[in-house]
């Protein structure tokens, strides 16, 4: 009988291997039955119409086959390693985004708590003033005992009510959606500084609206002119305190809002690190929003019509709000401010004569 080959063929096959049935050299290999053959075995009916090769040819064919299988497995291994690396990087990015979002939420809650605390402190001061007025009235009427007694009886319930502890909002109910009611109190009257306006920009007479045009105005060069983009700075500057303002962006397709460090020479050399910006851009039919620094995309479901900007100088915090939806867009915290800060407003310089973008600064809310 013929002898079967091992599935993993060796590189060298003995030249003197013999057929066990005919005792002749086994120099052939039947691919169908996977056995070695001699010349007489080939003539038998058992191997008729089978694929038969020489021993060396069969060994070479299987070496090539095994090499192809090995190469395929190596390629699959490389693909699997690449997928694993991509998944590990994706998990790292997700964890980093999760931490950034957690930091942003904590900063926003801290700001909300500070504003609420200040509001309650103001309420307490109003209460003290109210009580002082009562004390003054009582002292003036000390000679009229009956009127004093009547007044005290009539004021007892009011005094008890005023002396109740001020109610502090439960922080567990605070959400990123919603704006602090103290923000309108902090809203400032912001106007534009004409001496920092780019030549492509046209300012309104009340210095609250800026629009872009393609033909540069024939203005003399000014040391404070921003020449590197269609940018204008706010006339107001801040070195301390909390400040808030709102900007109508509905009529702009590409815009930037934010805070910039002031500089005596801003002629195109203002470093990007001195700015904190929110950018909106219409791409096709959808809007994309970015914050800087570092440059990061912000996911929003709808176009923003009005943007609120909040600055807390001492706590190093800048927040951007979607005023229409009354929700937080993004929050920068733990910033370090040095020197003067000013609002900054930018529009994209158009490539052709077809752009009429404009930004309008909202007037402060009038208390009702």
Protein backbone atom coordinates (compact mmCIF):
# COMPACT_ATOMS: atom_id res chain seq x y z
CA UNK A 1 0.00 0.00 0.00
CA UNK A 2 1.07 3.58 -0.59
CA UNK A 3 1.98 5.83 2.31
CA UNK A 4 0.03 9.10 3.09
CA UNK A 5 1.95 12.39 3.38
CA UNK A 6 1.74 14.57 6.47
CA UNK A 7 -0.57 17.61 5.80
CA UNK A 8 2.39 19.95 6.48
CA UNK A 9 4.82 18.78 3.74
CA UNK A 10 8.48 18.89 4.61
CA UNK A 11 10.86 20.90 2.45
CA UNK A 12 12.98 17.88 1.63
CA UNK A 13 11.47 14.51 0.64
CA UNK A 14 13.70 11.50 0.65
CA UNK A 15 14.73 10.42 -2.82
CA UNK A 16 14.86 6.72 -1.79
CA UNK A 17 11.28 6.57 -0.39
CA UNK A 18 9.66 3.37 -1.66
CA UNK A 19 6.13 2.20 -2.27
CA UNK A 20 5.27 -0.38 0.39
CA UNK A 21 3.17 -2.38 -2.11
CA UNK A 22 5.49 -2.58 -5.14
CA UNK A 23 8.79 -1.78 -3.40
CA UNK A 24 9.59 0.79 -6.08
CA UNK A 25 10.61 4.43 -5.62
CA UNK A 26 7.59 6.60 -4.70
CA UNK A 27 8.25 9.59 -6.95
CA UNK A 28 4.64 10.65 -7.53
CA UNK A 29 1.92 12.26 -5.39
CA UNK A 30 -1.87 11.83 -5.84
CA UNK A 31 -3.51 15.16 -4.99
CA UNK A 32 -6.99 13.59 -4.74
CA UNK A 33 -6.06 10.86 -2.23
CA UNK A 34 -3.12 12.73 -0.66
CA UNK A 35 -0.75 9.72 -0.93
CA UNK A 36 2.62 9.01 -2.54
CA UNK A 37 2.69 6.66 -5.55
CA UNK A 38 5.12 4.66 -7.60
CA UNK A 39 4.85 4.11 -11.35
CA UNK A 40 2.82 0.91 -10.95
CA UNK A 41 0.39 2.53 -8.50
CA UNK A 42 -0.32 5.18 -11.13
CA UNK A 43 -1.47 2.51 -13.59
CA UNK A 44 -4.06 1.07 -11.19
CA UNK A 45 -7.78 1.81 -11.47
CA UNK A 46 -7.73 3.30 -8.00
CA UNK A 47 -5.92 6.43 -9.22
CA UNK A 48 -7.35 6.64 -12.69
CA UNK A 49 -8.36 10.21 -13.66
CA UNK A 50 -6.73 11.60 -10.46
CA UNK A 51 -4.47 14.67 -10.37
CA UNK A 52 -0.96 13.25 -9.98
CA UNK A 53 2.24 15.32 -9.65
CA UNK A 54 5.88 14.63 -9.12
CA UNK A 55 6.97 14.60 -5.48
CA UNK A 56 9.03 17.80 -5.75
CA UNK A 57 6.35 19.59 -7.80
CA UNK A 58 3.66 18.62 -5.27
CA UNK A 59 5.84 19.78 -2.39
CA UNK A 60 6.47 23.13 -4.10
CA UNK A 61 2.75 23.59 -4.79
CA UNK A 62 1.90 23.02 -1.13
CA UNK A 63 4.70 25.28 0.05
CA UNK A 64 3.23 28.07 -2.08
CA UNK A 65 -0.28 27.32 -0.78
CA UNK A 66 0.85 27.37 2.85
CA UNK A 67 2.80 30.59 2.23
CA UNK A 68 -0.33 32.27 0.77
CA UNK A 69 -2.36 31.13 3.79
CA UNK A 70 0.34 32.45 6.12
CA UNK A 71 0.43 35.81 4.31
CA UNK A 72 -3.35 36.08 4.49
CA UNK A 73 -3.32 35.34 8.22
CA UNK A 74 -0.60 37.95 8.76
CA UNK A 75 -2.64 40.55 6.86
CA UNK A 76 -5.70 39.73 8.96
CA UNK A 77 -3.57 40.04 12.09
CA UNK A 78 -2.32 43.47 10.99
CA UNK A 79 -5.91 44.58 10.29
CA UNK A 80 -7.02 43.33 13.71
CA UNK A 81 -4.14 45.21 15.38
CA UNK A 82 -5.06 48.38 13.47
CA UNK A 83 -8.72 48.05 14.50
CA UNK A 84 -7.65 47.51 18.12
CA UNK A 85 -5.43 50.62 18.00
CA UNK A 86 -8.26 52.69 16.50
CA UNK A 87 -10.69 51.50 19.16
CA UNK A 88 -8.19 52.30 21.92
CA UNK A 89 -7.71 55.80 20.50
CA UNK A 90 -11.48 56.25 20.19
CA UNK A 91 -11.93 55.24 23.84
CA UNK A 92 -9.19 57.71 24.84
CA UNK A 93 -10.94 60.52 22.96
CA UNK A 94 -14.30 59.60 24.49
CA UNK A 95 -12.80 59.60 27.99
CA UNK A 96 -11.14 62.97 27.33
CA UNK A 97 -14.42 64.44 26.03
CA UNK A 98 -16.22 63.06 29.08
CA UNK A 99 -13.71 64.73 31.41
CA UNK A 100 -13.91 68.04 29.51
CA UNK A 101 -17.71 67.98 29.67
CA UNK A 102 -17.58 67.21 33.40
CA UNK A 103 -15.21 70.14 33.97
CA UNK A 104 -17.45 72.45 31.94
CA UNK A 105 -20.56 71.41 33.92
CA UNK A 106 -18.78 71.88 37.26
CA UNK A 107 -17.60 75.33 36.23
CA UNK A 108 -21.09 76.34 35.09
CA UNK A 109 -22.67 75.11 38.34
CA UNK A 110 -20.04 77.01 40.34
CA UNK A 111 -20.87 80.20 38.47
CA UNK A 112 -24.60 79.62 38.97
CA UNK A 113 -24.02 79.14 42.70
CA UNK A 114 -21.95 82.33 42.98
CA UNK A 115 -24.62 84.37 41.21
CA UNK A 116 -27.39 82.88 43.33
CA UNK A 117 -25.39 83.60 46.49
CA UNK A 118 -24.95 87.21 45.44
CA UNK A 119 -28.63 87.49 44.63
CA UNK A 120 -29.53 86.20 48.09
CA UNK A 121 -27.03 88.61 49.64
CA UNK A 122 -28.73 91.48 47.80
CA UNK A 123 -32.10 90.26 49.05
CA UNK A 124 -30.73 90.21 52.59
CA UNK A 125 -29.48 93.79 52.25
CA UNK A 126 -32.89 94.86 50.96
CA UNK A 127 -34.40 93.17 54.01
CA UNK A 128 -32.10 95.11 56.35
CA UNK A 129 -33.00 98.37 54.63
CA UNK A 130 -36.66 97.48 54.96
CA UNK A 131 -36.27 96.83 58.69
CA UNK A 132 -34.27 100.05 59.16
CA UNK A 133 -37.10 102.02 57.59
CA UNK A 134 -39.53 100.43 60.02
CA UNK A 135 -37.24 101.28 62.94
CA UNK A 136 -37.04 104.91 61.81
CA UNK A 137 -40.81 105.16 61.53
CA UNK A 138 -41.23 103.67 65.02
CA UNK A 139 -38.75 106.12 66.51
CA UNK A 140 -40.45 109.11 64.91
CA UNK A 141 -43.80 108.01 66.32
CA UNK A 142 -42.55 107.13 69.81
CA UNK A 143 -44.77 109.84 71.34
CA UNK A 144 -47.92 108.35 69.91
CA UNK A 145 -48.23 105.11 71.92
CA UNK A 146 -51.57 104.06 70.54
CA UNK A 147 -50.45 104.53 66.97
CA UNK A 148 -47.22 102.65 67.75
CA UNK A 149 -49.17 99.69 69.19
CA UNK A 150 -51.50 99.65 66.20
CA UNK A 151 -48.55 99.86 63.83
CA UNK A 152 -46.74 96.98 65.59
CA UNK A 153 -49.81 94.75 65.47
CA UNK A 154 -50.33 95.55 61.84
CA UNK A 155 -46.62 94.94 60.98
CA UNK A 156 -46.05 91.76 63.03
CA UNK A 157 -46.82 89.30 60.25
CA UNK A 158 -44.78 91.33 57.77
CA UNK A 159 -41.79 91.43 60.11
CA UNK A 160 -41.94 87.67 60.71
CA UNK A 161 -42.12 87.08 56.98
CA UNK A 162 -39.15 89.33 56.27
CA UNK A 163 -37.04 87.62 58.96
CA UNK A 164 -37.42 84.16 57.40
CA UNK A 165 -34.16 82.74 55.99
CA UNK A 166 -33.60 83.53 52.31
CA UNK A 167 -34.44 80.59 50.07
CA UNK A 168 -31.43 79.15 48.24
CA UNK A 169 -32.16 77.21 45.06
CA UNK A 170 -31.42 73.50 45.33
CA UNK A 171 -28.29 72.92 43.24
CA UNK A 172 -29.48 69.45 42.28
CA UNK A 173 -32.13 71.05 40.10
CA UNK A 174 -29.57 73.11 38.11
CA UNK A 175 -29.07 72.01 34.55
CA UNK A 176 -26.90 73.11 31.68
CA UNK A 177 -30.10 74.09 29.92
CA UNK A 178 -31.33 77.38 31.34
CA UNK A 179 -29.70 80.73 32.03
CA UNK A 180 -29.16 82.33 35.42
CA UNK A 181 -31.67 85.12 36.15
CA UNK A 182 -28.79 87.29 37.37
CA UNK A 183 -27.28 87.54 33.86
CA UNK A 184 -29.63 90.35 32.72
CA UNK A 185 -28.59 92.29 35.84
CA UNK A 186 -24.95 91.98 34.73
CA UNK A 187 -25.67 92.97 31.12
CA UNK A 188 -23.49 95.86 29.93
CA UNK A 189 -24.02 98.53 27.31
CA UNK A 190 -21.41 97.53 24.72
CA UNK A 191 -20.50 99.68 21.72
CA UNK A 192 -17.99 99.25 18.90
CA UNK A 193 -14.64 101.03 18.70
CA UNK A 194 -14.39 102.67 15.23
CA UNK A 195 -10.61 103.06 15.52
CA UNK A 196 -10.15 99.27 15.64
CA UNK A 197 -12.55 98.49 12.74
CA UNK A 198 -11.17 96.66 9.71
CA UNK A 199 -11.58 98.59 6.42
CA UNK A 200 -14.07 96.00 5.19
CA UNK A 201 -16.44 96.81 8.06
CA UNK A 202 -19.10 99.51 8.25
CA UNK A 203 -20.36 100.58 11.69
CA UNK A 204 -23.78 102.06 12.43
CA UNK A 205 -24.13 105.54 13.89
CA UNK A 206 -25.05 104.19 17.32
CA UNK A 207 -21.97 101.88 17.17
CA UNK A 208 -24.03 98.78 17.96
CA UNK A 209 -24.18 97.21 14.47
CA UNK A 210 -21.38 96.12 12.16
CA UNK A 211 -21.80 94.92 8.60
CA UNK A 212 -19.32 93.84 5.97
CA UNK A 213 -18.75 95.21 2.54
CA UNK A 214 -16.22 94.26 -0.11
CA UNK A 215 -14.81 97.69 -1.01
CA UNK A 216 -12.42 98.94 1.64
CA UNK A 217 -13.14 102.40 2.97
CA UNK A 218 -10.58 105.11 2.30
CA UNK A 219 -9.66 105.71 5.92
CA UNK A 220 -6.22 106.80 7.13
CA UNK A 221 -4.16 104.10 8.82
CA UNK A 222 -4.57 104.03 12.60
CA UNK A 223 -2.29 102.23 15.08
CA UNK A 224 -5.31 100.44 16.57
CA UNK A 225 -6.67 99.17 13.22
CA UNK A 226 -7.05 95.39 12.95
CA UNK A 227 -5.75 94.62 9.45
CA UNK A 228 -5.56 90.81 9.52
CA UNK A 229 -9.33 90.09 9.41
CA UNK A 230 -12.71 91.79 9.38
CA UNK A 231 -12.59 92.40 13.13
CA UNK A 232 -13.67 95.22 15.42
CA UNK A 233 -13.27 95.47 19.19
CA UNK A 234 -15.66 96.77 21.78
CA UNK A 235 -15.08 100.26 23.09
CA UNK A 236 -15.63 99.08 26.68
CA UNK A 237 -12.80 97.33 28.52
CA UNK A 238 -12.68 95.22 31.68
CA UNK A 239 -10.02 94.62 34.31
CA UNK A 240 -12.24 93.07 36.99
CA UNK A 241 -15.79 92.03 37.84
CA UNK A 242 -18.54 90.14 36.01
CA UNK A 243 -19.96 91.28 32.69
CA UNK A 244 -22.53 90.01 30.21
CA UNK A 245 -23.69 91.09 26.75
CA UNK A 246 -25.77 89.69 23.89
CA UNK A 247 -25.19 89.77 20.13
CA UNK A 248 -27.72 89.13 17.34
CA UNK A 249 -26.04 86.77 14.81
CA UNK A 250 -29.12 85.89 12.75
CA UNK A 251 -27.96 87.93 9.72
CA UNK A 252 -24.41 86.55 9.63
CA UNK A 253 -23.25 83.33 7.96
CA UNK A 254 -19.66 83.36 9.22
CA UNK A 255 -18.87 85.14 12.48
CA UNK A 256 -16.73 85.14 15.61
CA UNK A 257 -17.50 86.50 19.07
CA UNK A 258 -15.48 86.51 22.22
CA UNK A 259 -12.91 88.20 24.45
CA UNK A 260 -9.50 89.56 23.50
CA UNK A 261 -6.64 91.00 25.47
CA UNK A 262 -6.17 94.67 24.69
CA UNK A 263 -3.00 95.86 22.95
CA UNK A 264 -1.67 99.28 22.03
CA UNK A 265 -0.47 97.92 18.66
CA UNK A 266 -2.97 95.52 17.09
CA UNK A 267 -1.91 95.97 13.48
CA UNK A 268 -2.25 92.36 12.37
CA UNK A 269 0.08 90.97 15.05
CA UNK A 270 -2.41 89.96 17.72
CA UNK A 271 -1.52 86.42 18.90
CA UNK A 272 -4.33 83.91 18.74
CA UNK A 273 -3.53 82.85 22.33
CA UNK A 274 -4.81 86.24 23.52
CA UNK A 275 -8.36 85.46 22.35
CA UNK A 276 -11.23 83.25 23.51
CA UNK A 277 -13.67 82.81 20.63
CA UNK A 278 -16.92 81.18 19.55
CA UNK A 279 -17.22 80.74 15.77
CA UNK A 280 -20.35 80.07 13.72
CA UNK A 281 -20.22 79.13 10.04
CA UNK A 282 -22.92 78.21 7.52
CA UNK A 283 -21.70 75.27 5.43
CA UNK A 284 -24.25 74.53 2.73
CA UNK A 285 -27.57 74.31 4.55
CA UNK A 286 -26.21 73.47 8.02
CA UNK A 287 -24.33 75.46 10.65
CA UNK A 288 -21.13 74.38 12.41
CA UNK A 289 -19.85 75.93 15.62
CA UNK A 290 -16.32 75.95 17.06
CA UNK A 291 -14.64 77.28 20.20
CA UNK A 292 -11.03 78.33 20.67
CA UNK A 293 -8.57 77.71 22.30
CA UNK A 294 -7.99 74.92 21.63
CA UNK A 295 -10.00 74.62 18.42
CA UNK A 296 -12.93 72.33 19.19
CA UNK A 297 -16.23 71.63 17.46
CA UNK A 298 -19.43 72.24 19.44
CA UNK A 299 -22.47 70.13 18.57
CA UNK A 300 -25.68 72.16 18.41
CA UNK A 301 -28.99 71.06 16.95
CA UNK A 302 -30.19 74.43 15.70
CA UNK A 303 -28.88 77.67 14.29
CA UNK A 304 -28.21 80.28 16.95
CA UNK A 305 -29.99 83.60 16.50
CA UNK A 306 -28.61 85.42 19.52
CA UNK A 307 -25.46 84.68 21.52
CA UNK A 308 -24.81 85.69 25.12
CA UNK A 309 -21.23 86.22 26.36
CA UNK A 310 -20.42 86.10 30.09
CA UNK A 311 -17.08 87.12 31.63
CA UNK A 312 -16.01 86.56 35.23
CA UNK A 313 -12.58 88.21 35.45
CA UNK A 314 -11.64 87.13 38.99
CA UNK A 315 -12.67 83.48 38.53
CA UNK A 316 -11.15 83.21 35.03
CA UNK A 317 -14.41 82.14 33.40
CA UNK A 318 -15.94 82.84 29.98
CA UNK A 319 -19.30 81.33 28.97
CA UNK A 320 -21.23 81.43 25.71
CA UNK A 321 -25.04 81.01 25.72
CA UNK A 322 -27.70 80.35 23.13
CA UNK A 323 -30.06 83.11 24.25
CA UNK A 324 -32.99 81.93 22.10
CA UNK A 325 -32.87 78.38 23.49
CA UNK A 326 -31.72 79.63 26.93
CA UNK A 327 -28.94 77.05 27.11
CA UNK A 328 -25.19 76.90 27.67
CA UNK A 329 -23.12 76.51 24.49
CA UNK A 330 -19.64 76.23 26.03
CA UNK A 331 -17.79 77.23 29.17
CA UNK A 332 -14.11 78.11 29.64
CA UNK A 333 -12.90 77.95 33.24
CA UNK A 334 -9.65 78.35 35.20
CA UNK A 335 -8.36 80.94 32.73
CA UNK A 336 -5.70 83.46 33.76
CA UNK A 337 -6.37 87.06 32.76
CA UNK A 338 -3.74 89.77 32.82
CA UNK A 339 -4.40 93.37 31.92
CA UNK A 340 -7.32 94.77 29.97
CA UNK A 341 -9.94 92.58 28.24
CA UNK A 342 -12.28 93.81 25.50
CA UNK A 343 -15.13 92.25 23.53
CA UNK A 344 -14.23 91.24 19.98
CA UNK A 345 -16.47 90.83 16.94
CA UNK A 346 -15.43 89.35 13.59
CA UNK A 347 -17.00 88.69 10.19
CA UNK A 348 -15.50 86.65 7.38
CA UNK A 349 -14.02 88.70 4.54
CA UNK A 350 -15.97 87.67 1.40
CA UNK A 351 -14.26 86.31 -1.70
CA UNK A 352 -16.65 88.10 -4.02
CA UNK A 353 -19.17 90.92 -4.11
CA UNK A 354 -22.04 89.00 -2.57
CA UNK A 355 -21.74 89.25 1.21
CA UNK A 356 -23.92 91.42 3.46
CA UNK A 357 -23.29 89.77 6.84
CA UNK A 358 -23.93 91.84 9.95
CA UNK A 359 -23.82 91.58 13.76
CA UNK A 360 -25.90 93.67 16.17
CA UNK A 361 -25.17 94.18 19.87
CA UNK A 362 -28.35 94.03 21.95
CA UNK A 363 -29.27 96.80 24.35
CA UNK A 364 -29.36 95.85 28.06
CA UNK A 365 -32.70 94.59 29.36
CA UNK A 366 -34.79 97.25 31.06
CA UNK A 367 -36.12 96.03 34.45
CA UNK A 368 -39.92 95.76 34.45
